[in-house]
Amino acid sequence: MRNRNSPLTPEVWLHDLFTSKSVQQGTVIRRKARDIERFADMDLFLREIDRRGYRAIENSGQIIIFCNRAPIRWLIPGAPPISSKEIGRSTTV
């Protein structure tokens, strides 16, 4: 649900996000899921994540974006995280 009062279009918001220094250096960024929905649209955001070959995870309303294509290794053994297909959202993890 895009914020119609925002001076930024979804495309400009995504451009600003993905041209940040952290993204250019291939590190990790974090955004509130609510802000992504408000300023861009989650589906548009996830398509851009997928197009770039990045990975993203969500926890407690926060989206963590790994701005590189390196594998993710879970440090604590146990049951694997719930897949995006099991929770009904098509994301890259």
N, C-alpha and C. Protein backbone atom coordinates (compact mmCIF):
# COMPACT_ATOMS: atom_id res chain seq x y z
N MET A 1 0.84 -1.16 0.00
CA MET A 1 0.00 0.00 0.00
C MET A 1 0.89 1.24 0.00
N ARG A 2 1.01 1.86 -1.13
CA ARG A 2 1.89 3.00 -1.30
C ARG A 2 1.33 4.26 -0.64
N ASN A 3 2.22 5.04 -0.05
CA ASN A 3 1.85 6.30 0.59
C ASN A 3 1.67 7.36 -0.50
N ARG A 4 0.45 7.78 -0.70
CA ARG A 4 0.17 8.76 -1.76
C ARG A 4 0.67 10.16 -1.39
N ASN A 5 1.02 10.38 -0.14
CA ASN A 5 1.54 11.68 0.28
C ASN A 5 3.06 11.77 0.15
N SER A 6 3.70 10.68 -0.22
CA SER A 6 5.15 10.68 -0.35
C SER A 6 5.57 11.41 -1.62
N PRO A 7 6.61 12.23 -1.54
CA PRO A 7 7.10 12.90 -2.75
C PRO A 7 7.86 11.94 -3.67
N LEU A 8 8.17 10.74 -3.17
CA LEU A 8 8.93 9.78 -3.96
C LEU A 8 8.01 8.76 -4.62
N THR A 9 8.28 8.47 -5.88
CA THR A 9 7.58 7.36 -6.52
C THR A 9 8.22 6.06 -6.04
N PRO A 10 7.55 4.93 -6.18
CA PRO A 10 8.18 3.66 -5.80
C PRO A 10 9.51 3.43 -6.51
N GLU A 11 9.58 3.80 -7.77
CA GLU A 11 10.81 3.61 -8.53
C GLU A 11 11.96 4.45 -7.97
N VAL A 12 11.67 5.70 -7.59
CA VAL A 12 12.70 6.57 -7.02
C VAL A 12 13.13 6.04 -5.66
N TRP A 13 12.18 5.59 -4.84
CA TRP A 13 12.51 5.04 -3.53
C TRP A 13 13.42 3.83 -3.67
N LEU A 14 13.08 2.92 -4.58
CA LEU A 14 13.91 1.74 -4.81
C LEU A 14 15.28 2.13 -5.36
N HIS A 15 15.31 3.10 -6.26
CA HIS A 15 16.60 3.56 -6.81
C HIS A 15 17.48 4.10 -5.69
N ASP A 16 16.92 4.92 -4.83
CA ASP A 16 17.69 5.47 -3.70
C ASP A 16 18.20 4.35 -2.79
N LEU A 17 17.35 3.37 -2.52
CA LEU A 17 17.75 2.25 -1.67
C LEU A 17 18.91 1.48 -2.28
N PHE A 18 18.77 1.12 -3.55
CA PHE A 18 19.75 0.24 -4.18
C PHE A 18 20.99 0.97 -4.71
N THR A 19 21.05 2.28 -4.57
CA THR A 19 22.28 3.00 -4.92
C THR A 19 23.02 3.47 -3.67
N SER A 20 22.58 3.00 -2.51
CA SER A 20 23.25 3.38 -1.26
C SER A 20 24.65 2.77 -1.21
N LYS A 21 25.48 3.36 -0.38
CA LYS A 21 26.87 2.91 -0.24
C LYS A 21 26.95 1.45 0.21
N SER A 22 26.10 1.07 1.15
CA SER A 22 26.12 -0.32 1.64
C SER A 22 25.81 -1.32 0.53
N VAL A 23 24.85 -0.99 -0.29
CA VAL A 23 24.51 -1.88 -1.41
C VAL A 23 25.67 -1.95 -2.39
N GLN A 24 26.25 -0.82 -2.70
CA GLN A 24 27.37 -0.79 -3.65
C GLN A 24 28.56 -1.59 -3.14
N GLN A 25 28.72 -1.66 -1.82
CA GLN A 25 29.82 -2.42 -1.22
C GLN A 25 29.47 -3.89 -1.00
N GLY A 26 28.23 -4.27 -1.31
CA GLY A 26 27.82 -5.66 -1.18
C GLY A 26 27.61 -6.12 0.25
N THR A 27 27.22 -5.22 1.12
CA THR A 27 27.01 -5.59 2.52
C THR A 27 25.52 -5.87 2.77
N VAL A 28 25.05 -5.57 3.95
CA VAL A 28 23.69 -5.88 4.37
C VAL A 28 22.97 -4.59 4.72
N ILE A 29 21.70 -4.50 4.34
CA ILE A 29 20.87 -3.36 4.74
C ILE A 29 19.60 -3.89 5.38
N ARG A 30 18.95 -3.02 6.13
CA ARG A 30 17.72 -3.40 6.84
C ARG A 30 16.69 -2.30 6.66
N ARG A 31 15.46 -2.71 6.41
CA ARG A 31 14.34 -1.77 6.31
C ARG A 31 13.12 -2.37 6.98
N LYS A 32 12.26 -1.53 7.50
CA LYS A 32 10.99 -2.00 8.06
C LYS A 32 10.10 -2.46 6.92
N ALA A 33 9.46 -3.61 7.11
CA ALA A 33 8.53 -4.12 6.10
C ALA A 33 7.43 -3.09 5.84
N ARG A 34 6.99 -2.42 6.89
CA ARG A 34 5.95 -1.40 6.77
C ARG A 34 6.38 -0.27 5.83
N ASP A 35 7.66 0.14 5.93
CA ASP A 35 8.16 1.21 5.06
C ASP A 35 8.25 0.75 3.61
N ILE A 36 8.65 -0.49 3.41
CA ILE A 36 8.72 -1.01 2.04
C ILE A 36 7.32 -1.00 1.43
N GLU A 37 6.33 -1.47 2.18
CA GLU A 37 4.94 -1.44 1.69
C GLU A 37 4.47 -0.01 1.46
N ARG A 38 4.83 0.88 2.35
CA ARG A 38 4.36 2.26 2.28
C ARG A 38 4.95 3.02 1.10
N PHE A 39 6.24 2.85 0.86
CA PHE A 39 6.91 3.67 -0.15
C PHE A 39 7.13 2.99 -1.49
N ALA A 40 7.10 1.66 -1.53
CA ALA A 40 7.41 1.00 -2.80
C ALA A 40 6.36 -0.02 -3.21
N ASP A 41 5.99 -0.92 -2.35
CA ASP A 41 5.14 -2.07 -2.61
C ASP A 41 6.01 -3.31 -2.48
N MET A 42 5.59 -4.22 -1.64
CA MET A 42 6.41 -5.39 -1.33
C MET A 42 6.69 -6.23 -2.58
N ASP A 43 5.69 -6.43 -3.44
CA ASP A 43 5.91 -7.24 -4.64
C ASP A 43 6.95 -6.61 -5.56
N LEU A 44 6.88 -5.31 -5.75
CA LEU A 44 7.87 -4.61 -6.57
C LEU A 44 9.26 -4.73 -5.95
N PHE A 45 9.34 -4.56 -4.65
CA PHE A 45 10.60 -4.69 -3.92
C PHE A 45 11.19 -6.09 -4.09
N LEU A 46 10.37 -7.11 -3.91
CA LEU A 46 10.85 -8.49 -4.01
C LEU A 46 11.28 -8.85 -5.43
N ARG A 47 10.59 -8.31 -6.42
CA ARG A 47 11.03 -8.53 -7.81
C ARG A 47 12.41 -7.92 -8.04
N GLU A 48 12.66 -6.75 -7.46
CA GLU A 48 13.97 -6.11 -7.61
C GLU A 48 15.05 -6.90 -6.88
N ILE A 49 14.74 -7.43 -5.70
CA ILE A 49 15.68 -8.28 -4.97
C ILE A 49 16.04 -9.49 -5.84
N ASP A 50 15.02 -10.12 -6.40
CA ASP A 50 15.23 -11.31 -7.24
C ASP A 50 16.03 -10.96 -8.50
N ARG A 51 15.70 -9.85 -9.13
CA ARG A 51 16.40 -9.43 -10.35
C ARG A 51 17.89 -9.23 -10.10
N ARG A 52 18.22 -8.72 -8.94
CA ARG A 52 19.62 -8.47 -8.59
C ARG A 52 20.33 -9.72 -8.07
N GLY A 53 19.58 -10.78 -7.81
CA GLY A 53 20.19 -12.00 -7.28
C GLY A 53 20.53 -11.91 -5.81
N TYR A 54 19.91 -10.96 -5.09
CA TYR A 54 20.14 -10.81 -3.67
C TYR A 54 19.22 -11.76 -2.90
N ARG A 55 19.41 -11.80 -1.60
CA ARG A 55 18.55 -12.59 -0.72
C ARG A 55 18.01 -11.66 0.37
N ALA A 56 16.82 -12.00 0.84
CA ALA A 56 16.21 -11.20 1.90
C ALA A 56 15.49 -12.12 2.86
N ILE A 57 15.50 -11.74 4.13
CA ILE A 57 14.77 -12.48 5.16
C ILE A 57 13.96 -11.48 5.96
N GLU A 58 12.90 -11.97 6.60
CA GLU A 58 12.05 -11.11 7.41
C GLU A 58 11.97 -11.68 8.82
N ASN A 59 12.06 -10.80 9.79
CA ASN A 59 11.89 -11.18 11.18
C ASN A 59 11.28 -10.00 11.92
N SER A 60 10.17 -10.24 12.57
CA SER A 60 9.54 -9.25 13.44
C SER A 60 9.35 -7.90 12.75
N GLY A 61 8.91 -7.93 11.50
CA GLY A 61 8.63 -6.69 10.78
C GLY A 61 9.84 -6.01 10.17
N GLN A 62 11.00 -6.63 10.26
CA GLN A 62 12.22 -6.08 9.66
C GLN A 62 12.64 -6.96 8.48
N ILE A 63 13.03 -6.33 7.40
CA ILE A 63 13.54 -7.05 6.23
C ILE A 63 15.04 -6.82 6.20
N ILE A 64 15.79 -7.91 6.19
CA ILE A 64 17.25 -7.85 6.08
C ILE A 64 17.59 -8.27 4.66
N ILE A 65 18.34 -7.42 3.96
CA ILE A 65 18.70 -7.68 2.58
C ILE A 65 20.20 -7.92 2.50
N PHE A 66 20.56 -9.08 1.98
CA PHE A 66 21.97 -9.41 1.75
C PHE A 66 22.28 -8.96 0.33
N CYS A 67 23.04 -7.89 0.20
CA CYS A 67 23.28 -7.26 -1.09
C CYS A 67 24.47 -7.87 -1.80
N ASN A 68 24.45 -9.18 -1.89
CA ASN A 68 25.48 -9.93 -2.61
C ASN A 68 24.89 -11.30 -2.91
N ARG A 69 25.65 -12.10 -3.62
CA ARG A 69 25.16 -13.43 -4.00
C ARG A 69 25.85 -14.55 -3.22
N ALA A 70 26.54 -14.19 -2.16
CA ALA A 70 27.23 -15.19 -1.34
C ALA A 70 26.21 -16.07 -0.62
N PRO A 71 26.56 -17.33 -0.38
CA PRO A 71 25.63 -18.21 0.33
C PRO A 71 25.41 -17.75 1.77
N ILE A 72 24.25 -18.08 2.29
CA ILE A 72 23.91 -17.77 3.67
C ILE A 72 24.04 -19.06 4.47
N ARG A 73 24.75 -18.98 5.58
CA ARG A 73 24.95 -20.15 6.44
C ARG A 73 24.29 -19.87 7.78
N TRP A 74 23.36 -20.72 8.18
CA TRP A 74 22.70 -20.58 9.47
C TRP A 74 23.66 -21.06 10.54
N LEU A 75 23.88 -20.29 11.56
CA LEU A 75 24.89 -20.59 12.58
C LEU A 75 24.39 -21.50 13.68
N ILE A 76 23.11 -21.55 13.90
CA ILE A 76 22.56 -22.39 14.96
C ILE A 76 21.91 -23.61 14.31
N PRO A 77 22.36 -24.82 14.68
CA PRO A 77 21.76 -26.02 14.08
C PRO A 77 20.32 -26.21 14.55
N GLY A 78 19.61 -26.97 13.80
CA GLY A 78 18.22 -27.25 14.15
C GLY A 78 17.37 -27.25 12.91
N ALA A 79 16.10 -27.12 13.12
CA ALA A 79 15.16 -27.12 12.00
C ALA A 79 15.45 -25.92 11.10
N PRO A 80 15.42 -26.13 9.80
CA PRO A 80 15.64 -25.00 8.89
C PRO A 80 14.51 -23.98 9.03
N PRO A 81 14.76 -22.75 8.63
CA PRO A 81 13.72 -21.74 8.73
C PRO A 81 12.53 -22.11 7.84
N ILE A 82 11.38 -21.58 8.18
CA ILE A 82 10.19 -21.81 7.37
C ILE A 82 10.45 -21.23 5.98
N SER A 83 10.13 -21.98 4.96
CA SER A 83 10.36 -21.50 3.60
C SER A 83 9.32 -20.46 3.24
N SER A 84 9.66 -19.63 2.28
CA SER A 84 8.73 -18.60 1.82
C SER A 84 7.48 -19.23 1.22
N LYS A 85 7.62 -20.40 0.62
CA LYS A 85 6.46 -21.07 0.03
C LYS A 85 5.50 -21.53 1.12
N GLU A 86 6.02 -21.95 2.26
CA GLU A 86 5.17 -22.40 3.36
C GLU A 86 4.38 -21.24 3.97
N ILE A 87 4.94 -20.04 3.93
CA ILE A 87 4.23 -18.90 4.51
C ILE A 87 3.46 -18.11 3.46
N GLY A 88 3.52 -18.56 2.20
CA GLY A 88 2.69 -17.96 1.16
C GLY A 88 3.27 -16.74 0.49
N ARG A 89 4.55 -16.48 0.62
CA ARG A 89 5.16 -15.33 -0.04
C ARG A 89 6.33 -15.82 -0.87
N SER A 90 6.42 -15.36 -2.08
CA SER A 90 7.50 -15.76 -2.96
C SER A 90 8.70 -14.84 -2.75
N THR A 91 9.67 -15.29 -1.95
CA THR A 91 10.87 -14.50 -1.69
C THR A 91 12.10 -15.34 -1.92
N THR A 92 13.23 -14.69 -1.97
CA THR A 92 14.50 -15.37 -2.11
C THR A 92 15.16 -15.42 -0.74
N VAL A 93 15.48 -16.61 -0.28
CA VAL A 93 16.15 -16.77 1.01
C VAL A 93 17.40 -17.57 0.80
